[in-house]
Amino acid sequence: MKMRMHNPPHPGETLRQLCLDPLHLSVTTAAEALGVSRKTLSTILNGRAGISPEMAIRLSIAFGTSAESWLNQQLQYDLWMAEKRRKSLTVTRLTQFSRAAQPTKL
C-alpha cells in the first residue's frame, strides 16, 4: 500500500518555488507562455484553484515535466484535504451482510 504524503503542498506552491522563481519569471510572463490569463495562473499559485488536466499538459510542455506529475500532486493535495474532513462525513459502511435497499417502483 502506498503511503500518502503528510500535509502535501498545493501544486501552485510547487509551481512557484520550483519553476517560476528559479527562472525569475513573473506571473504575467509565465501566464503568457502557458497561454492562460494572469488571473488563471495567479489563482493556482495562490492555492485557490487546482491543476486541471489541460493545465497539467501546458505545464509539462512549458517546463519539461510530465502532466502526470502535476496531476499526482493535485490528487495528493485534494486527498489530504478530504481526509481532514473524514470525521464529518455521514457514511454507512456496507458489507455482504448489509440489508439491501428495497427497489423503488416506478
N, C-alpha and C. Protein backbone atom coordinates (compact mmCIF):
# COMPACT_ATOMS: atom_id res chain seq x y z
N MET A 1 0.84 -1.18 0.00
CA MET A 1 0.00 0.00 0.00
C MET A 1 0.88 1.24 0.00
N LYS A 2 0.54 2.20 -0.84
CA LYS A 2 1.32 3.42 -0.97
C LYS A 2 1.02 4.37 0.19
N MET A 3 2.09 4.90 0.80
CA MET A 3 1.92 5.86 1.88
C MET A 3 1.64 7.23 1.26
N ARG A 4 0.64 7.94 1.81
CA ARG A 4 0.37 9.29 1.36
C ARG A 4 1.28 10.27 2.07
N MET A 5 1.62 11.32 1.37
CA MET A 5 2.47 12.35 1.92
C MET A 5 1.74 13.05 3.07
N HIS A 6 2.47 13.43 4.08
CA HIS A 6 1.91 14.18 5.18
C HIS A 6 1.84 15.66 4.80
N ASN A 7 0.64 16.21 4.80
CA ASN A 7 0.39 17.61 4.52
C ASN A 7 1.13 18.10 3.26
N PRO A 8 0.78 17.55 2.10
CA PRO A 8 1.47 17.95 0.87
C PRO A 8 1.17 19.40 0.51
N PRO A 9 2.10 20.08 -0.13
CA PRO A 9 1.85 21.47 -0.53
C PRO A 9 0.88 21.51 -1.69
N HIS A 10 0.19 22.62 -1.82
CA HIS A 10 -0.65 22.83 -3.00
C HIS A 10 0.28 22.89 -4.21
N PRO A 11 -0.11 22.31 -5.34
CA PRO A 11 0.76 22.32 -6.52
C PRO A 11 1.16 23.73 -6.97
N GLY A 12 0.34 24.71 -6.67
CA GLY A 12 0.69 26.09 -7.02
C GLY A 12 1.93 26.56 -6.29
N GLU A 13 2.09 26.11 -5.05
CA GLU A 13 3.29 26.45 -4.28
C GLU A 13 4.52 25.82 -4.92
N THR A 14 4.38 24.57 -5.33
CA THR A 14 5.47 23.87 -6.00
C THR A 14 5.81 24.56 -7.32
N LEU A 15 4.79 24.92 -8.06
CA LEU A 15 4.98 25.61 -9.34
C LEU A 15 5.77 26.90 -9.14
N ARG A 16 5.40 27.66 -8.14
CA ARG A 16 6.10 28.92 -7.90
C ARG A 16 7.56 28.68 -7.48
N GLN A 17 7.76 27.78 -6.51
CA GLN A 17 9.09 27.57 -5.94
C GLN A 17 10.06 26.85 -6.87
N LEU A 18 9.56 25.89 -7.64
CA LEU A 18 10.46 25.07 -8.46
C LEU A 18 10.51 25.46 -9.93
N CYS A 19 9.55 26.25 -10.38
CA CYS A 19 9.51 26.60 -11.80
C CYS A 19 9.63 28.10 -12.05
N LEU A 20 8.76 28.89 -11.45
CA LEU A 20 8.78 30.32 -11.72
C LEU A 20 9.97 31.03 -11.06
N ASP A 21 10.15 30.81 -9.76
CA ASP A 21 11.21 31.53 -9.03
C ASP A 21 12.62 31.27 -9.58
N PRO A 22 12.99 30.00 -9.83
CA PRO A 22 14.36 29.77 -10.36
C PRO A 22 14.62 30.43 -11.71
N LEU A 23 13.56 30.60 -12.51
CA LEU A 23 13.71 31.22 -13.83
C LEU A 23 13.44 32.73 -13.77
N HIS A 24 13.15 33.24 -12.57
CA HIS A 24 12.85 34.67 -12.37
C HIS A 24 11.70 35.12 -13.26
N LEU A 25 10.67 34.28 -13.34
CA LEU A 25 9.51 34.58 -14.17
C LEU A 25 8.44 35.30 -13.36
N SER A 26 7.88 36.34 -13.93
CA SER A 26 6.73 36.99 -13.30
C SER A 26 5.49 36.15 -13.62
N VAL A 27 4.44 36.40 -12.88
CA VAL A 27 3.18 35.69 -13.14
C VAL A 27 2.70 36.02 -14.55
N THR A 28 2.82 37.27 -14.93
CA THR A 28 2.37 37.71 -16.25
C THR A 28 3.14 37.00 -17.36
N THR A 29 4.45 36.95 -17.25
CA THR A 29 5.28 36.29 -18.27
C THR A 29 4.98 34.80 -18.35
N ALA A 30 4.86 34.16 -17.19
CA ALA A 30 4.56 32.73 -17.18
C ALA A 30 3.18 32.46 -17.75
N ALA A 31 2.21 33.28 -17.42
CA ALA A 31 0.85 33.09 -17.94
C ALA A 31 0.83 33.22 -19.45
N GLU A 32 1.54 34.20 -19.97
CA GLU A 32 1.61 34.37 -21.42
C GLU A 32 2.23 33.15 -22.08
N ALA A 33 3.30 32.64 -21.51
CA ALA A 33 3.97 31.46 -22.06
C ALA A 33 3.07 30.23 -22.02
N LEU A 34 2.26 30.12 -20.97
CA LEU A 34 1.35 28.98 -20.83
C LEU A 34 0.09 29.14 -21.67
N GLY A 35 -0.17 30.34 -22.16
CA GLY A 35 -1.37 30.58 -22.96
C GLY A 35 -2.63 30.69 -22.12
N VAL A 36 -2.47 31.20 -20.89
CA VAL A 36 -3.61 31.39 -19.99
C VAL A 36 -3.59 32.82 -19.47
N SER A 37 -4.67 33.23 -18.84
CA SER A 37 -4.71 34.58 -18.29
C SER A 37 -3.87 34.66 -17.02
N ARG A 38 -3.47 35.86 -16.69
CA ARG A 38 -2.72 36.09 -15.46
C ARG A 38 -3.56 35.67 -14.25
N LYS A 39 -4.86 35.97 -14.32
CA LYS A 39 -5.76 35.63 -13.22
C LYS A 39 -5.82 34.11 -13.01
N THR A 40 -5.90 33.36 -14.10
CA THR A 40 -5.95 31.89 -14.01
C THR A 40 -4.72 31.36 -13.31
N LEU A 41 -3.55 31.80 -13.75
CA LEU A 41 -2.31 31.32 -13.14
C LEU A 41 -2.19 31.79 -11.69
N SER A 42 -2.58 33.01 -11.43
CA SER A 42 -2.50 33.55 -10.08
C SER A 42 -3.35 32.75 -9.10
N THR A 43 -4.55 32.34 -9.51
CA THR A 43 -5.41 31.56 -8.61
C THR A 43 -4.80 30.20 -8.28
N ILE A 44 -4.07 29.63 -9.23
CA ILE A 44 -3.37 28.36 -8.97
C ILE A 44 -2.20 28.60 -8.02
N LEU A 45 -1.40 29.62 -8.32
CA LEU A 45 -0.23 29.90 -7.49
C LEU A 45 -0.60 30.23 -6.05
N ASN A 46 -1.78 30.83 -5.87
CA ASN A 46 -2.22 31.21 -4.52
C ASN A 46 -3.07 30.13 -3.85
N GLY A 47 -3.17 28.96 -4.47
CA GLY A 47 -3.87 27.83 -3.87
C GLY A 47 -5.38 27.93 -3.89
N ARG A 48 -5.93 28.82 -4.70
CA ARG A 48 -7.39 28.97 -4.77
C ARG A 48 -8.01 28.15 -5.90
N ALA A 49 -7.17 27.57 -6.75
CA ALA A 49 -7.65 26.69 -7.83
C ALA A 49 -6.65 25.57 -7.99
N GLY A 50 -7.13 24.46 -8.52
CA GLY A 50 -6.28 23.30 -8.71
C GLY A 50 -5.73 23.21 -10.12
N ILE A 51 -4.91 22.21 -10.31
CA ILE A 51 -4.32 21.92 -11.62
C ILE A 51 -5.27 21.02 -12.39
N SER A 52 -5.80 21.51 -13.49
CA SER A 52 -6.69 20.70 -14.34
C SER A 52 -5.82 19.84 -15.27
N PRO A 53 -6.40 18.82 -15.89
CA PRO A 53 -5.63 18.04 -16.85
C PRO A 53 -5.03 18.90 -17.97
N GLU A 54 -5.80 19.87 -18.47
CA GLU A 54 -5.27 20.73 -19.53
C GLU A 54 -4.10 21.57 -19.01
N MET A 55 -4.24 22.12 -17.82
CA MET A 55 -3.14 22.91 -17.25
C MET A 55 -1.92 22.02 -17.02
N ALA A 56 -2.14 20.79 -16.60
CA ALA A 56 -1.02 19.86 -16.40
C ALA A 56 -0.25 19.66 -17.70
N ILE A 57 -0.96 19.56 -18.80
CA ILE A 57 -0.31 19.42 -20.11
C ILE A 57 0.45 20.69 -20.46
N ARG A 58 -0.16 21.84 -20.24
CA ARG A 58 0.53 23.11 -20.51
C ARG A 58 1.82 23.21 -19.70
N LEU A 59 1.75 22.86 -18.41
CA LEU A 59 2.93 22.92 -17.54
C LEU A 59 4.00 21.94 -18.00
N SER A 60 3.57 20.76 -18.42
CA SER A 60 4.54 19.75 -18.88
C SER A 60 5.29 20.23 -20.11
N ILE A 61 4.59 20.89 -21.02
CA ILE A 61 5.22 21.40 -22.23
C ILE A 61 6.17 22.56 -21.87
N ALA A 62 5.69 23.48 -21.05
CA ALA A 62 6.48 24.68 -20.73
C ALA A 62 7.72 24.38 -19.90
N PHE A 63 7.62 23.43 -18.97
CA PHE A 63 8.72 23.21 -18.03
C PHE A 63 9.42 21.86 -18.20
N GLY A 64 9.03 21.11 -19.22
CA GLY A 64 9.71 19.83 -19.48
C GLY A 64 9.47 18.80 -18.40
N THR A 65 8.26 18.81 -17.85
CA THR A 65 7.88 17.85 -16.82
C THR A 65 6.80 16.94 -17.39
N SER A 66 6.27 16.06 -16.58
CA SER A 66 5.16 15.22 -17.06
C SER A 66 3.84 15.76 -16.53
N ALA A 67 2.82 15.64 -17.37
CA ALA A 67 1.48 16.05 -16.94
C ALA A 67 1.04 15.21 -15.74
N GLU A 68 1.44 13.94 -15.74
CA GLU A 68 1.06 13.04 -14.65
C GLU A 68 1.61 13.51 -13.31
N SER A 69 2.81 14.07 -13.31
CA SER A 69 3.38 14.53 -12.04
C SER A 69 2.57 15.68 -11.46
N TRP A 70 2.09 16.59 -12.31
CA TRP A 70 1.28 17.70 -11.83
C TRP A 70 -0.08 17.20 -11.33
N LEU A 71 -0.67 16.28 -12.07
CA LEU A 71 -1.97 15.74 -11.63
C LEU A 71 -1.83 14.92 -10.36
N ASN A 72 -0.72 14.21 -10.21
CA ASN A 72 -0.49 13.44 -8.99
C ASN A 72 -0.36 14.37 -7.79
N GLN A 73 0.36 15.46 -7.96
CA GLN A 73 0.48 16.44 -6.87
C GLN A 73 -0.89 16.97 -6.47
N GLN A 74 -1.73 17.27 -7.47
CA GLN A 74 -3.07 17.78 -7.18
C GLN A 74 -3.90 16.73 -6.47
N LEU A 75 -3.81 15.49 -6.93
CA LEU A 75 -4.54 14.40 -6.31
C LEU A 75 -4.14 14.22 -4.84
N GLN A 76 -2.83 14.22 -4.58
CA GLN A 76 -2.35 14.06 -3.21
C GLN A 76 -2.83 15.20 -2.32
N TYR A 77 -2.81 16.41 -2.83
CA TYR A 77 -3.28 17.56 -2.07
C TYR A 77 -4.78 17.44 -1.79
N ASP A 78 -5.56 17.14 -2.83
CA ASP A 78 -7.02 17.01 -2.68
C ASP A 78 -7.38 15.90 -1.70
N LEU A 79 -6.69 14.78 -1.79
CA LEU A 79 -6.96 13.66 -0.89
C LEU A 79 -6.63 14.04 0.55
N TRP A 80 -5.52 14.73 0.75
CA TRP A 80 -5.14 15.17 2.10
C TRP A 80 -6.24 16.08 2.68
N MET A 81 -6.72 17.01 1.87
CA MET A 81 -7.75 17.93 2.34
C MET A 81 -9.05 17.17 2.65
N ALA A 82 -9.40 16.20 1.83
CA ALA A 82 -10.61 15.41 2.07
C ALA A 82 -10.47 14.56 3.33
N GLU A 83 -9.29 13.99 3.54
CA GLU A 83 -9.05 13.17 4.74
C GLU A 83 -9.23 13.99 6.02
N LYS A 84 -8.88 15.26 5.95
CA LYS A 84 -9.05 16.13 7.12
C LYS A 84 -10.52 16.27 7.49
N ARG A 85 -11.42 16.08 6.52
CA ARG A 85 -12.87 16.20 6.76
C ARG A 85 -13.54 14.84 6.97
N ARG A 86 -12.76 13.77 7.02
CA ARG A 86 -13.30 12.41 7.10
C ARG A 86 -14.32 12.23 8.23
N LYS A 87 -13.99 12.72 9.41
CA LYS A 87 -14.87 12.51 10.58
C LYS A 87 -16.21 13.21 10.45
N SER A 88 -16.29 14.23 9.61
CA SER A 88 -17.54 14.96 9.46
C SER A 88 -18.48 14.32 8.42
N LEU A 89 -18.01 13.28 7.73
CA LEU A 89 -18.82 12.61 6.71
C LEU A 89 -19.82 11.66 7.36
N THR A 90 -21.00 11.63 6.81
CA THR A 90 -22.03 10.70 7.27
C THR A 90 -22.13 9.58 6.24
N VAL A 91 -21.55 8.42 6.59
CA VAL A 91 -21.50 7.29 5.65
C VAL A 91 -21.77 6.02 6.44
N THR A 92 -22.54 5.12 5.86
CA THR A 92 -22.79 3.82 6.46
C THR A 92 -21.92 2.80 5.76
N ARG A 93 -21.16 2.04 6.55
CA ARG A 93 -20.30 1.01 5.96
C ARG A 93 -21.17 -0.13 5.45
N LEU A 94 -20.90 -0.58 4.25
CA LEU A 94 -21.65 -1.67 3.64
C LEU A 94 -20.82 -2.94 3.67
N THR A 95 -21.47 -4.03 3.97
CA THR A 95 -20.82 -5.33 3.96
C THR A 95 -21.72 -6.30 3.21
N GLN A 96 -21.24 -7.53 3.04
CA GLN A 96 -22.07 -8.52 2.34
C GLN A 96 -23.31 -8.87 3.14
N PHE A 97 -23.31 -8.55 4.44
CA PHE A 97 -24.45 -8.86 5.28
C PHE A 97 -25.39 -7.67 5.46
N SER A 98 -25.07 -6.56 4.82
CA SER A 98 -25.94 -5.38 4.92
C SER A 98 -27.26 -5.68 4.24
N ARG A 99 -28.31 -5.13 4.81
CA ARG A 99 -29.62 -5.31 4.20
C ARG A 99 -29.70 -4.51 2.92
N ALA A 100 -30.07 -5.15 1.85
CA ALA A 100 -30.17 -4.48 0.55
C ALA A 100 -31.31 -3.49 0.57
N ALA A 101 -31.13 -2.38 -0.08
CA ALA A 101 -32.17 -1.38 -0.20
C ALA A 101 -33.31 -1.96 -1.03
N GLN A 102 -34.52 -1.60 -0.67
CA GLN A 102 -35.68 -2.07 -1.41
C GLN A 102 -35.79 -1.28 -2.72
N PRO A 103 -35.98 -1.97 -3.81
CA PRO A 103 -36.11 -1.27 -5.08
C PRO A 103 -37.34 -0.36 -5.08
N THR A 104 -37.23 0.75 -5.72
CA THR A 104 -38.34 1.69 -5.83
C THR A 104 -39.15 1.34 -7.07
N LYS A 105 -40.47 1.28 -6.91
CA LYS A 105 -41.34 1.00 -8.05
C LYS A 105 -41.58 2.29 -8.82
N LEU A 106 -41.50 2.20 -10.13
CA LEU A 106 -41.73 3.37 -10.99
C LEU A 106 -43.15 3.43 -11.42
